[in-house]
């Protein structure tokens, strides 16, 4: 399942990406037969844990219906993704078969201009995460002059949550190591995670803040038992301008029953969520507050949390409660609760409708002035429109009125039908 050892990871970080991009997702150091065998083993292990019951079949049928309804949007954009020479695909960043990422390079602007960078961590219930899931958002960012990097990470049953966090950490290291190749602005790097990806981003931030503080509360137990998970990162949180969590599960304990009834079996959850105190970002931050670890909390970059009130997979209260914990910890944070939006609305149905609130919000953030500008204090119950305070506007992004989004191809009734059958 890995090519080389963990000590070889630095080799992948410093290798040039210009010559290794390929539309073929099968790594040359594994080959087709090894990749097929690995996929078969992982599928059998997963089926052993969850089986193929009526609920999974029902959810799969819903997924097929959703894809069928939205195919007029998804298919052209997928073809564009595959054919776009500015999308560098399947770049290797580490030794595992899953350690690959896609880079969306803007085709606009002068070559000499440094562009904002977004690292987008996809969701997938820690089981079916894939770097192509957020390709609609990545294409929008690319069209608006932003470098977007979408990494894969190991899923269950190949890896535990601490392993996934380590993969995200390694992918971010790759981005910083290749910033010159990417043409990215080192001072304008934003982390974005959706669903399970939001959880992994928040957990990584909490754990790195604890580590970087260098105080008595700087233990490594939250980083997993393996030595690889305890390697010192080659980057620091001070290099992250801000992070965004979309539809994220931040306190895992109360979610076990919900996930089980949505199709993620307790047998899987029991192996994934081994310690809610350590693996829940909400509790990690709360424990730092209780321990008086102000140095660690001061390391946490500004955060924006987004959720929809119609989310049946992860209740929106997960986001509002986590916001309150961050706010009480003194972390500069904002929250936006979208009325009537589902779990995937911000990344799928929203962009397809031509009204992309999430991307508009992220582009606003990237246009903000100086790095680490502090967000204004915000009441989670407020219905006012909140904007990030900025001390200037960068010159290489379009003005807000000129943002480029996906055109609305589908009639609204089709989008409403797709939203209803979406299993997520």
Foldseek 3Di string as FASTA:
>chain_A
DFADDLVCLVVLLQDDLPPVFDLDQFDPSQDDVNVVVVVVVQVVVVCVQFNCDPLNVLQVVLQVLLCVLCVVPVVVLVVCQSPPPQKRFFRANGTDSQRGKIKRAAPDDDLLAAAAEEEEEEDDPLADGDQCLLVQLCVLCSPQGYIYMGGTADGPPVDALLRRLLSVLSVVSSCVSCSVVRSHDQLHYEYEYAEVGLLSVLLNLLLLLLCVLPDPSNDCVLNDDDPSSVDDGPDALNSHLEYEYELYQQQCPVQLVLQCVLRCNVSNVCRHCVDRCSSHSLNSLVVCVVVVVLSSLVRRFEYEYEYECAESNRHPVSRVSSQVSNVVSVHQYYYDYHYPAYSCCQRPLCLLQVNRPVSLQVLQVSQAAGGRDGADDDDSPDPDDGGGHHPGGDDSGDDSVPRDTDDHDDDVVSSVVSVVSNSD
